[in-house]
Amino acid sequence: PDRMVEVTGPDELERILTADIARWRVFLHPAQRRYAYHPGFFGPAQV
């Protein structure tokens, strides 16, 4: 569900392009997830 969304109705695409466009802009790509959700750094960390 973090990378796929099923089209459930005729307005789904328009919803993505309007109300939900900002949400996609904070979408975290899987390649970045390991840094954002690292269980715990033993001190300062940098990306």
ModelCIF file with pLDDT and N, C-alpha, C, O atoms, coordinates in Angstrom:
data_MODEL
#
_entry.id   MODEL 
#
_entity.id                         1 
_entity.type                       polymer 
_entity.pdbx_number_of_molecules   1 
#
_entity_poly.entity_id                      1 
_entity_poly.type                           'polypeptide(L)' 
_entity_poly.nstd_linkage                   no 
_entity_poly.nstd_monomer                   no 
_entity_poly.pdbx_seq_one_letter_code       PDRMVEVTGPDELERILTADIARWRVFLHPAQRRYAYHPGFFGPAQV 
_entity_poly.pdbx_seq_one_letter_code_can   PDRMVEVTGPDELERILTADIARWRVFLHPAQRRYAYHPGFFGPAQV 
_entity_poly.pdbx_strand_id                 A 
#
loop_
_entity_poly_seq.entity_id 
_entity_poly_seq.num 
_entity_poly_seq.mon_id 
_entity_poly_seq.hetero 
1 1  PRO n 
1 2  ASP n 
1 3  ARG n 
1 4  MET n 
1 5  VAL n 
1 6  GLU n 
1 7  VAL n 
1 8  THR n 
1 9  GLY n 
1 10 PRO n 
1 11 ASP n 
1 12 GLU n 
1 13 LEU n 
1 14 GLU n 
1 15 ARG n 
1 16 ILE n 
1 17 LEU n 
1 18 THR n 
1 19 ALA n 
1 20 ASP n 
1 21 ILE n 
1 22 ALA n 
1 23 ARG n 
1 24 TRP n 
1 25 ARG n 
1 26 VAL n 
1 27 PHE n 
1 28 LEU n 
1 29 HIS n 
1 30 PRO n 
1 31 ALA n 
1 32 GLN n 
1 33 ARG n 
1 34 ARG n 
1 35 TYR n 
1 36 ALA n 
1 37 TYR n 
1 38 HIS n 
1 39 PRO n 
1 40 GLY n 
1 41 PHE n 
1 42 PHE n 
1 43 GLY n 
1 44 PRO n 
1 45 ALA n 
1 46 GLN n 
1 47 VAL n 
#
_struct_asym.id          A 
_struct_asym.entity_id   1 
#
loop_
_ma_qa_metric.id 
_ma_qa_metric.mode 
_ma_qa_metric.name 
_ma_qa_metric.software_group_id 
_ma_qa_metric.type 
1 global pLDDT . pLDDT 
2 local  pLDDT . pLDDT 
#
_ma_qa_metric_global.metric_id      1 
_ma_qa_metric_global.metric_value   70.74 
_ma_qa_metric_global.model_id       1 
_ma_qa_metric_global.ordinal_id     1 
#
loop_
_ma_qa_metric_local.label_asym_id 
_ma_qa_metric_local.label_comp_id 
_ma_qa_metric_local.label_seq_id 
_ma_qa_metric_local.metric_id 
_ma_qa_metric_local.metric_value 
_ma_qa_metric_local.model_id 
_ma_qa_metric_local.ordinal_id 
A PRO 1  2 73.00 1 1  
A ASP 2  2 66.00 1 2  
A ARG 3  2 75.00 1 3  
A MET 4  2 80.00 1 4  
A VAL 5  2 76.00 1 5  
A GLU 6  2 80.00 1 6  
A VAL 7  2 75.00 1 7  
A THR 8  2 73.00 1 8  
A GLY 9  2 68.00 1 9  
A PRO 10 2 64.00 1 10 
A ASP 11 2 64.00 1 11 
A GLU 12 2 60.00 1 12 
A LEU 13 2 59.00 1 13 
A GLU 14 2 61.00 1 14 
A ARG 15 2 60.00 1 15 
A ILE 16 2 58.00 1 16 
A LEU 17 2 53.00 1 17 
A THR 18 2 53.00 1 18 
A ALA 19 2 45.00 1 19 
A ASP 20 2 46.00 1 20 
A ILE 21 2 47.00 1 21 
A ALA 22 2 53.00 1 22 
A ARG 23 2 55.00 1 23 
A TRP 24 2 51.00 1 24 
A ARG 25 2 58.00 1 25 
A VAL 26 2 66.00 1 26 
A PHE 27 2 66.00 1 27 
A LEU 28 2 70.00 1 28 
A HIS 29 2 66.00 1 29 
A PRO 30 2 59.00 1 30 
A ALA 31 2 62.00 1 31 
A GLN 32 2 76.00 1 32 
A ARG 33 2 76.00 1 33 
A ARG 34 2 75.00 1 34 
A TYR 35 2 84.00 1 35 
A ALA 36 2 88.00 1 36 
A TYR 37 2 86.00 1 37 
A HIS 38 2 85.00 1 38 
A PRO 39 2 84.00 1 39 
A GLY 40 2 87.00 1 40 
A PHE 41 2 90.00 1 41 
A PHE 42 2 90.00 1 42 
A GLY 43 2 92.00 1 43 
A PRO 44 2 94.00 1 44 
A ALA 45 2 93.00 1 45 
A GLN 46 2 92.00 1 46 
A VAL 47 2 91.00 1 47 
#
loop_
_atom_site.group_PDB 
_atom_site.id 
_atom_site.type_symbol 
_atom_site.label_atom_id 
_atom_site.label_alt_id 
_atom_site.label_comp_id 
_atom_site.label_asym_id 
_atom_site.label_entity_id 
_atom_site.label_seq_id 
_atom_site.pdbx_PDB_ins_code 
_atom_site.Cartn_x 
_atom_site.Cartn_y 
_atom_site.Cartn_z 
_atom_site.occupancy 
_atom_site.B_iso_or_equiv 
_atom_site.pdbx_formal_charge 
_atom_site.auth_seq_id 
_atom_site.auth_comp_id 
_atom_site.auth_asym_id 
_atom_site.auth_atom_id 
_atom_site.pdbx_PDB_model_num 
ATOM 1   N N  . PRO A 1 1  ? 0.805   -1.235 0.000   1.00 73.00 ? 1  PRO A N  1 
ATOM 2   C CA . PRO A 1 1  ? 0.000   0.000  0.000   1.00 73.00 ? 1  PRO A CA 1 
ATOM 3   C C  . PRO A 1 1  ? 0.827   1.269  0.000   1.00 73.00 ? 1  PRO A C  1 
ATOM 4   O O  . PRO A 1 1  ? 0.328   2.328  -0.378  1.00 73.00 ? 1  PRO A O  1 
ATOM 5   N N  . ASP A 1 2  ? 2.107   1.182  0.424   1.00 66.00 ? 2  ASP A N  1 
ATOM 6   C CA . ASP A 1 2  ? 2.934   2.386  0.430   1.00 66.00 ? 2  ASP A CA 1 
ATOM 7   C C  . ASP A 1 2  ? 3.416   2.752  -0.965  1.00 66.00 ? 2  ASP A C  1 
ATOM 8   O O  . ASP A 1 2  ? 3.924   3.855  -1.167  1.00 66.00 ? 2  ASP A O  1 
ATOM 9   N N  . ARG A 1 3  ? 3.266   1.843  -1.942  1.00 75.00 ? 3  ARG A N  1 
ATOM 10  C CA . ARG A 1 3  ? 3.730   2.122  -3.304  1.00 75.00 ? 3  ARG A CA 1 
ATOM 11  C C  . ARG A 1 3  ? 2.660   1.890  -4.358  1.00 75.00 ? 3  ARG A C  1 
ATOM 12  O O  . ARG A 1 3  ? 2.873   2.212  -5.527  1.00 75.00 ? 3  ARG A O  1 
ATOM 13  N N  . MET A 1 4  ? 1.520   1.341  -3.976  1.00 80.00 ? 4  MET A N  1 
ATOM 14  C CA . MET A 1 4  ? 0.449   1.027  -4.916  1.00 80.00 ? 4  MET A CA 1 
ATOM 15  C C  . MET A 1 4  ? -0.877  1.539  -4.367  1.00 80.00 ? 4  MET A C  1 
ATOM 16  O O  . MET A 1 4  ? -1.107  1.517  -3.158  1.00 80.00 ? 4  MET A O  1 
ATOM 17  N N  . VAL A 1 5  ? -1.752  2.003  -5.267  1.00 76.00 ? 5  VAL A N  1 
ATOM 18  C CA . VAL A 1 5  ? -3.100  2.398  -4.862  1.00 76.00 ? 5  VAL A CA 1 
ATOM 19  C C  . VAL A 1 5  ? -4.061  1.907  -5.933  1.00 76.00 ? 5  VAL A C  1 
ATOM 20  O O  . VAL A 1 5  ? -3.838  2.137  -7.121  1.00 76.00 ? 5  VAL A O  1 
ATOM 21  N N  . GLU A 1 6  ? -5.145  1.222  -5.514  1.00 80.00 ? 6  GLU A N  1 
ATOM 22  C CA . GLU A 1 6  ? -6.119  0.731  -6.485  1.00 80.00 ? 6  GLU A CA 1 
ATOM 23  C C  . GLU A 1 6  ? -7.100  1.846  -6.830  1.00 80.00 ? 6  GLU A C  1 
ATOM 24  O O  . GLU A 1 6  ? -7.557  2.583  -5.956  1.00 80.00 ? 6  GLU A O  1 
ATOM 25  N N  . VAL A 1 7  ? -7.416  1.955  -8.124  1.00 75.00 ? 7  VAL A N  1 
ATOM 26  C CA . VAL A 1 7  ? -8.397  2.929  -8.576  1.00 75.00 ? 7  VAL A CA 1 
ATOM 27  C C  . VAL A 1 7  ? -9.775  2.377  -8.243  1.00 75.00 ? 7  VAL A C  1 
ATOM 28  O O  . VAL A 1 7  ? -10.211 1.384  -8.825  1.00 75.00 ? 7  VAL A O  1 
ATOM 29  N N  . THR A 1 8  ? -10.451 3.015  -7.317  1.00 73.00 ? 8  THR A N  1 
ATOM 30  C CA . THR A 1 8  ? -11.726 2.488  -6.828  1.00 73.00 ? 8  THR A CA 1 
ATOM 31  C C  . THR A 1 8  ? -12.930 3.198  -7.421  1.00 73.00 ? 8  THR A C  1 
ATOM 32  O O  . THR A 1 8  ? -14.061 2.771  -7.193  1.00 73.00 ? 8  THR A O  1 
ATOM 33  N N  . GLY A 1 9  ? -12.720 4.271  -8.175  1.00 68.00 ? 9  GLY A N  1 
ATOM 34  C CA . GLY A 1 9  ? -13.850 4.986  -8.749  1.00 68.00 ? 9  GLY A CA 1 
ATOM 35  C C  . GLY A 1 9  ? -13.409 5.907  -9.857  1.00 68.00 ? 9  GLY A C  1 
ATOM 36  O O  . GLY A 1 9  ? -12.209 6.098  -10.051 1.00 68.00 ? 9  GLY A O  1 
ATOM 37  N N  . PRO A 1 10 ? -14.346 6.488  -10.595 1.00 64.00 ? 10 PRO A N  1 
ATOM 38  C CA . PRO A 1 10 ? -14.005 7.310  -11.762 1.00 64.00 ? 10 PRO A CA 1 
ATOM 39  C C  . PRO A 1 10 ? -13.274 8.599  -11.407 1.00 64.00 ? 10 PRO A C  1 
ATOM 40  O O  . PRO A 1 10 ? -12.620 9.191  -12.265 1.00 64.00 ? 10 PRO A O  1 
ATOM 41  N N  . ASP A 1 11 ? -13.374 9.044  -10.144 1.00 64.00 ? 11 ASP A N  1 
ATOM 42  C CA . ASP A 1 11 ? -12.735 10.307 -9.764  1.00 64.00 ? 11 ASP A CA 1 
ATOM 43  C C  . ASP A 1 11 ? -11.384 10.107 -9.074  1.00 64.00 ? 11 ASP A C  1 
ATOM 44  O O  . ASP A 1 11 ? -10.785 11.068 -8.590  1.00 64.00 ? 11 ASP A O  1 
ATOM 45  N N  . GLU A 1 12 ? -10.905 8.865  -9.030  1.00 60.00 ? 12 GLU A N  1 
ATOM 46  C CA . GLU A 1 12 ? -9.685  8.569  -8.274  1.00 60.00 ? 12 GLU A CA 1 
ATOM 47  C C  . GLU A 1 12 ? -8.477  9.326  -8.808  1.00 60.00 ? 12 GLU A C  1 
ATOM 48  O O  . GLU A 1 12 ? -7.693  9.884  -8.040  1.00 60.00 ? 12 GLU A O  1 
ATOM 49  N N  . LEU A 1 13 ? -8.331  9.342  -10.135 1.00 59.00 ? 13 LEU A N  1 
ATOM 50  C CA . LEU A 1 13 ? -7.161  9.988  -10.720 1.00 59.00 ? 13 LEU A CA 1 
ATOM 51  C C  . LEU A 1 13 ? -7.195  11.499 -10.500 1.00 59.00 ? 13 LEU A C  1 
ATOM 52  O O  . LEU A 1 13 ? -6.171  12.110 -10.192 1.00 59.00 ? 13 LEU A O  1 
ATOM 53  N N  . GLU A 1 14 ? -8.366  12.093 -10.658 1.00 61.00 ? 14 GLU A N  1 
ATOM 54  C CA . GLU A 1 14 ? -8.483  13.529 -10.434 1.00 61.00 ? 14 GLU A CA 1 
ATOM 55  C C  . GLU A 1 14 ? -8.179  13.864 -8.979  1.00 61.00 ? 14 GLU A C  1 
ATOM 56  O O  . GLU A 1 14 ? -7.596  14.909 -8.689  1.00 61.00 ? 14 GLU A O  1 
ATOM 57  N N  . ARG A 1 15 ? -8.574  12.979 -8.062  1.00 60.00 ? 15 ARG A N  1 
ATOM 58  C CA . ARG A 1 15 ? -8.278  13.197 -6.649  1.00 60.00 ? 15 ARG A CA 1 
ATOM 59  C C  . ARG A 1 15 ? -6.778  13.236 -6.418  1.00 60.00 ? 15 ARG A C  1 
ATOM 60  O O  . ARG A 1 15 ? -6.280  14.082 -5.675  1.00 60.00 ? 15 ARG A O  1 
ATOM 61  N N  . ILE A 1 16 ? -6.065  12.327 -7.050  1.00 58.00 ? 16 ILE A N  1 
ATOM 62  C CA . ILE A 1 16 ? -4.608  12.272 -6.904  1.00 58.00 ? 16 ILE A CA 1 
ATOM 63  C C  . ILE A 1 16 ? -3.973  13.545 -7.450  1.00 58.00 ? 16 ILE A C  1 
ATOM 64  O O  . ILE A 1 16 ? -3.021  14.072 -6.874  1.00 58.00 ? 16 ILE A O  1 
ATOM 65  N N  . LEU A 1 17 ? -4.515  14.037 -8.577  1.00 53.00 ? 17 LEU A N  1 
ATOM 66  C CA . LEU A 1 17 ? -3.915  15.202 -9.219  1.00 53.00 ? 17 LEU A CA 1 
ATOM 67  C C  . LEU A 1 17 ? -4.276  16.517 -8.538  1.00 53.00 ? 17 LEU A C  1 
ATOM 68  O O  . LEU A 1 17 ? -3.648  17.540 -8.809  1.00 53.00 ? 17 LEU A O  1 
ATOM 69  N N  . THR A 1 18 ? -5.269  16.509 -7.665  1.00 53.00 ? 18 THR A N  1 
ATOM 70  C CA . THR A 1 18 ? -5.677  17.757 -7.012  1.00 53.00 ? 18 THR A CA 1 
ATOM 71  C C  . THR A 1 18 ? -5.450  17.677 -5.512  1.00 53.00 ? 18 THR A C  1 
ATOM 72  O O  . THR A 1 18 ? -4.405  18.100 -5.018  1.00 53.00 ? 18 THR A O  1 
ATOM 73  N N  . ALA A 1 19 ? -6.413  17.142 -4.791  1.00 45.00 ? 19 ALA A N  1 
ATOM 74  C CA . ALA A 1 19 ? -6.339  17.159 -3.327  1.00 45.00 ? 19 ALA A CA 1 
ATOM 75  C C  . ALA A 1 19 ? -5.170  16.376 -2.786  1.00 45.00 ? 19 ALA A C  1 
ATOM 76  O O  . ALA A 1 19 ? -4.618  16.730 -1.744  1.00 45.00 ? 19 ALA A O  1 
ATOM 77  N N  . ASP A 1 20 ? -4.779  15.319 -3.472  1.00 46.00 ? 20 ASP A N  1 
ATOM 78  C CA . ASP A 1 20 ? -3.743  14.454 -2.925  1.00 46.00 ? 20 ASP A CA 1 
ATOM 79  C C  . ASP A 1 20 ? -2.353  14.705 -3.487  1.00 46.00 ? 20 ASP A C  1 
ATOM 80  O O  . ASP A 1 20 ? -1.405  14.013 -3.118  1.00 46.00 ? 20 ASP A O  1 
ATOM 81  N N  . ILE A 1 21 ? -2.216  15.694 -4.381  1.00 47.00 ? 21 ILE A N  1 
ATOM 82  C CA . ILE A 1 21 ? -0.908  15.895 -5.010  1.00 47.00 ? 21 ILE A CA 1 
ATOM 83  C C  . ILE A 1 21 ? 0.164   16.234 -3.978  1.00 47.00 ? 21 ILE A C  1 
ATOM 84  O O  . ILE A 1 21 ? 1.309   15.798 -4.100  1.00 47.00 ? 21 ILE A O  1 
ATOM 85  N N  . ALA A 1 22 ? -0.210  17.017 -2.956  1.00 53.00 ? 22 ALA A N  1 
ATOM 86  C CA . ALA A 1 22 ? 0.760   17.363 -1.916  1.00 53.00 ? 22 ALA A CA 1 
ATOM 87  C C  . ALA A 1 22 ? 1.194   16.131 -1.140  1.00 53.00 ? 22 ALA A C  1 
ATOM 88  O O  . ALA A 1 22 ? 2.354   16.021 -0.741  1.00 53.00 ? 22 ALA A O  1 
ATOM 89  N N  . ARG A 1 23 ? 0.264   15.199 -0.925  1.00 55.00 ? 23 ARG A N  1 
ATOM 90  C CA . ARG A 1 23 ? 0.620   13.985 -0.180  1.00 55.00 ? 23 ARG A CA 1 
ATOM 91  C C  . ARG A 1 23 ? 1.663   13.172 -0.946  1.00 55.00 ? 23 ARG A C  1 
ATOM 92  O O  . ARG A 1 23 ? 2.564   12.592 -0.339  1.00 55.00 ? 23 ARG A O  1 
ATOM 93  N N  . TRP A 1 24 ? 1.546   13.128 -2.270  1.00 51.00 ? 24 TRP A N  1 
ATOM 94  C CA . TRP A 1 24 ? 2.555   12.400 -3.044  1.00 51.00 ? 24 TRP A CA 1 
ATOM 95  C C  . TRP A 1 24 ? 3.909   13.093 -2.978  1.00 51.00 ? 24 TRP A C  1 
ATOM 96  O O  . TRP A 1 24 ? 4.948   12.459 -3.157  1.00 51.00 ? 24 TRP A O  1 
ATOM 97  N N  . ARG A 1 25 ? 3.891   14.398 -2.722  1.00 58.00 ? 25 ARG A N  1 
ATOM 98  C CA . ARG A 1 25 ? 5.167   15.114 -2.639  1.00 58.00 ? 25 ARG A CA 1 
ATOM 99  C C  . ARG A 1 25 ? 5.899   14.841 -1.335  1.00 58.00 ? 25 ARG A C  1 
ATOM 100 O O  . ARG A 1 25 ? 7.082   15.161 -1.216  1.00 58.00 ? 25 ARG A O  1 
ATOM 101 N N  . VAL A 1 26 ? 5.220   14.256 -0.357  1.00 66.00 ? 26 VAL A N  1 
ATOM 102 C CA . VAL A 1 26 ? 5.927   13.818 0.841   1.00 66.00 ? 26 VAL A CA 1 
ATOM 103 C C  . VAL A 1 26 ? 6.043   12.296 0.850   1.00 66.00 ? 26 VAL A C  1 
ATOM 104 O O  . VAL A 1 26 ? 6.327   11.687 1.882   1.00 66.00 ? 26 VAL A O  1 
ATOM 105 N N  . PHE A 1 27 ? 5.817   11.690 -0.326  1.00 66.00 ? 27 PHE A N  1 
ATOM 106 C CA . PHE A 1 27 ? 5.968   10.245 -0.446  1.00 66.00 ? 27 PHE A CA 1 
ATOM 107 C C  . PHE A 1 27 ? 7.437   9.868  -0.300  1.00 66.00 ? 27 PHE A C  1 
ATOM 108 O O  . PHE A 1 27 ? 8.311   10.504 -0.889  1.00 66.00 ? 27 PHE A O  1 
ATOM 109 N N  . LEU A 1 28 ? 7.695   8.855  0.471   1.00 70.00 ? 28 LEU A N  1 
ATOM 110 C CA . LEU A 1 28 ? 9.062   8.415  0.722   1.00 70.00 ? 28 LEU A CA 1 
ATOM 111 C C  . LEU A 1 28 ? 9.387   7.242  -0.187  1.00 70.00 ? 28 LEU A C  1 
ATOM 112 O O  . LEU A 1 28 ? 8.753   6.190  -0.115  1.00 70.00 ? 28 LEU A O  1 
ATOM 113 N N  . HIS A 1 29 ? 10.377  7.433  -1.037  1.00 66.00 ? 29 HIS A N  1 
ATOM 114 C CA . HIS A 1 29 ? 10.796  6.349  -1.923  1.00 66.00 ? 29 HIS A CA 1 
ATOM 115 C C  . HIS A 1 29 ? 11.434  5.239  -1.093  1.00 66.00 ? 29 HIS A C  1 
ATOM 116 O O  . HIS A 1 29 ? 12.113  5.518  -0.105  1.00 66.00 ? 29 HIS A O  1 
ATOM 117 N N  . PRO A 1 30 ? 11.221  3.975  -1.488  1.00 59.00 ? 30 PRO A N  1 
ATOM 118 C CA . PRO A 1 30 ? 11.791  2.868  -0.700  1.00 59.00 ? 30 PRO A CA 1 
ATOM 119 C C  . PRO A 1 30 ? 13.297  2.973  -0.481  1.00 59.00 ? 30 PRO A C  1 
ATOM 120 O O  . PRO A 1 30 ? 13.807  2.541  0.553   1.00 59.00 ? 30 PRO A O  1 
ATOM 121 N N  . ALA A 1 31 ? 14.010  3.547  -1.451  1.00 62.00 ? 31 ALA A N  1 
ATOM 122 C CA . ALA A 1 31 ? 15.460  3.671  -1.294  1.00 62.00 ? 31 ALA A CA 1 
ATOM 123 C C  . ALA A 1 31 ? 15.841  4.638  -0.183  1.00 62.00 ? 31 ALA A C  1 
ATOM 124 O O  . ALA A 1 31 ? 16.955  4.584  0.338   1.00 62.00 ? 31 ALA A O  1 
ATOM 125 N N  . GLN A 1 32 ? 14.900  5.537  0.186   1.00 76.00 ? 32 GLN A N  1 
ATOM 126 C CA . GLN A 1 32 ? 15.176  6.510  1.245   1.00 76.00 ? 32 GLN A CA 1 
ATOM 127 C C  . GLN A 1 32 ? 14.697  6.026  2.610   1.00 76.00 ? 32 GLN A C  1 
ATOM 128 O O  . GLN A 1 32 ? 15.108  6.562  3.639   1.00 76.00 ? 32 GLN A O  1 
ATOM 129 N N  . ARG A 1 33 ? 13.840  5.027  2.620   1.00 76.00 ? 33 ARG A N  1 
ATOM 130 C CA . ARG A 1 33 ? 13.167  4.621  3.845   1.00 76.00 ? 33 ARG A CA 1 
ATOM 131 C C  . ARG A 1 33 ? 14.143  4.162  4.928   1.00 76.00 ? 33 ARG A C  1 
ATOM 132 O O  . ARG A 1 33 ? 13.908  4.386  6.116   1.00 76.00 ? 33 ARG A O  1 
ATOM 133 N N  . ARG A 1 34 ? 15.223  3.529  4.521   1.00 75.00 ? 34 ARG A N  1 
ATOM 134 C CA . ARG A 1 34 ? 16.143  2.971  5.516   1.00 75.00 ? 34 ARG A CA 1 
ATOM 135 C C  . ARG A 1 34 ? 16.815  4.062  6.344   1.00 75.00 ? 34 ARG A C  1 
ATOM 136 O O  . ARG A 1 34 ? 17.253  3.806  7.465   1.00 75.00 ? 34 ARG A O  1 
ATOM 137 N N  . TYR A 1 35 ? 16.901  5.286  5.797   1.00 84.00 ? 35 TYR A N  1 
ATOM 138 C CA . TYR A 1 35 ? 17.470  6.393  6.560   1.00 84.00 ? 35 TYR A CA 1 
ATOM 139 C C  . TYR A 1 35 ? 16.404  7.026  7.463   1.00 84.00 ? 35 TYR A C  1 
ATOM 140 O O  . TYR A 1 35 ? 16.648  7.285  8.641   1.00 84.00 ? 35 TYR A O  1 
ATOM 141 N N  . ALA A 1 36 ? 15.231  7.267  6.897   1.00 88.00 ? 36 ALA A N  1 
ATOM 142 C CA . ALA A 1 36 ? 14.170  7.929  7.657   1.00 88.00 ? 36 ALA A CA 1 
ATOM 143 C C  . ALA A 1 36 ? 13.678  7.077  8.817   1.00 88.00 ? 36 ALA A C  1 
ATOM 144 O O  . ALA A 1 36 ? 13.365  7.597  9.888   1.00 88.00 ? 36 ALA A O  1 
ATOM 145 N N  . TYR A 1 37 ? 13.609  5.759  8.601   1.00 86.00 ? 37 TYR A N  1 
ATOM 146 C CA . TYR A 1 37 ? 13.042  4.879  9.624   1.00 86.00 ? 37 TYR A CA 1 
ATOM 147 C C  . TYR A 1 37 ? 14.087  3.928  10.211  1.00 86.00 ? 37 TYR A C  1 
ATOM 148 O O  . TYR A 1 37 ? 13.756  2.833  10.667  1.00 86.00 ? 37 TYR A O  1 
ATOM 149 N N  . HIS A 1 38 ? 15.326  4.349  10.195  1.00 85.00 ? 38 HIS A N  1 
ATOM 150 C CA . HIS A 1 38 ? 16.377  3.587  10.868  1.00 85.00 ? 38 HIS A CA 1 
ATOM 151 C C  . HIS A 1 38 ? 15.990  3.455  12.348  1.00 85.00 ? 38 HIS A C  1 
ATOM 152 O O  . HIS A 1 38 ? 15.578  4.440  12.961  1.00 85.00 ? 38 HIS A O  1 
ATOM 153 N N  . PRO A 1 39 ? 16.113  2.267  12.924  1.00 84.00 ? 39 PRO A N  1 
ATOM 154 C CA . PRO A 1 39 ? 15.635  2.073  14.300  1.00 84.00 ? 39 PRO A CA 1 
ATOM 155 C C  . PRO A 1 39 ? 16.344  2.923  15.330  1.00 84.00 ? 39 PRO A C  1 
ATOM 156 O O  . PRO A 1 39 ? 15.782  3.206  16.388  1.00 84.00 ? 39 PRO A O  1 
ATOM 157 N N  . GLY A 1 40 ? 17.558  3.334  15.048  1.00 87.00 ? 40 GLY A N  1 
ATOM 158 C CA . GLY A 1 40 ? 18.236  4.169  16.032  1.00 87.00 ? 40 GLY A CA 1 
ATOM 159 C C  . GLY A 1 40 ? 19.707  4.343  15.704  1.00 87.00 ? 40 GLY A C  1 
ATOM 160 O O  . GLY A 1 40 ? 20.431  3.356  15.577  1.00 87.00 ? 40 GLY A O  1 
ATOM 161 N N  . PHE A 1 41 ? 20.163  5.589  15.564  1.00 90.00 ? 41 PHE A N  1 
ATOM 162 C CA . PHE A 1 41 ? 21.576  5.884  15.337  1.00 90.00 ? 41 PHE A CA 1 
ATOM 163 C C  . PHE A 1 41 ? 22.246  6.138  16.681  1.00 90.00 ? 41 PHE A C  1 
ATOM 164 O O  . PHE A 1 41 ? 21.671  6.788  17.554  1.00 90.00 ? 41 PHE A O  1 
ATOM 165 N N  . PHE A 1 42 ? 23.449  5.631  16.844  1.00 90.00 ? 42 PHE A N  1 
ATOM 166 C CA . PHE A 1 42 ? 24.175  5.807  18.101  1.00 90.00 ? 42 PHE A CA 1 
ATOM 167 C C  . PHE A 1 42 ? 24.932  7.133  18.104  1.00 90.00 ? 42 PHE A C  1 
ATOM 168 O O  . PHE A 1 42 ? 26.141  7.174  18.332  1.00 90.00 ? 42 PHE A O  1 
ATOM 169 N N  . GLY A 1 43 ? 24.204  8.207  17.849  1.00 92.00 ? 43 GLY A N  1 
ATOM 170 C CA . GLY A 1 43 ? 24.813  9.524  17.792  1.00 92.00 ? 43 GLY A CA 1 
ATOM 171 C C  . GLY A 1 43 ? 24.292  10.284 16.594  1.00 92.00 ? 43 GLY A C  1 
ATOM 172 O O  . GLY A 1 43 ? 23.346  9.836  15.946  1.00 92.00 ? 43 GLY A O  1 
ATOM 173 N N  . PRO A 1 44 ? 24.892  11.437 16.281  1.00 94.00 ? 44 PRO A N  1 
ATOM 174 C CA . PRO A 1 44 ? 24.446  12.238 15.139  1.00 94.00 ? 44 PRO A CA 1 
ATOM 175 C C  . PRO A 1 44 ? 24.572  11.457 13.827  1.00 94.00 ? 44 PRO A C  1 
ATOM 176 O O  . PRO A 1 44 ? 25.517  10.692 13.638  1.00 94.00 ? 44 PRO A O  1 
ATOM 177 N N  . ALA A 1 45 ? 23.607  11.661 12.927  1.00 93.00 ? 45 ALA A N  1 
ATOM 178 C CA . ALA A 1 45 ? 23.617  11.001 11.615  1.00 93.00 ? 45 ALA A CA 1 
ATOM 179 C C  . ALA A 1 45 ? 23.382  12.054 10.546  1.00 93.00 ? 45 ALA A C  1 
ATOM 180 O O  . ALA A 1 45 ? 22.809  13.112 10.806  1.00 93.00 ? 45 ALA A O  1 
ATOM 181 N N  . GLN A 1 46 ? 23.835  11.745 9.340   1.00 92.00 ? 46 GLN A N  1 
ATOM 182 C CA . GLN A 1 46 ? 23.809  12.731 8.267   1.00 92.00 ? 46 GLN A CA 1 
ATOM 183 C C  . GLN A 1 46 ? 23.441  12.064 6.943   1.00 92.00 ? 46 GLN A C  1 
ATOM 184 O O  . GLN A 1 46 ? 23.945  10.989 6.619   1.00 92.00 ? 46 GLN A O  1 
ATOM 185 N N  . VAL A 1 47 ? 22.555  12.714 6.181   1.00 91.00 ? 47 VAL A N  1 
ATOM 186 C CA . VAL A 1 47 ? 22.198  12.269 4.833   1.00 91.00 ? 47 VAL A CA 1 
ATOM 187 C C  . VAL A 1 47 ? 22.423  13.445 3.891   1.00 91.00 ? 47 VAL A C  1 
ATOM 188 O O  . VAL A 1 47 ? 22.193  13.324 2.687   1.00 91.00 ? 47 VAL A O  1 
#
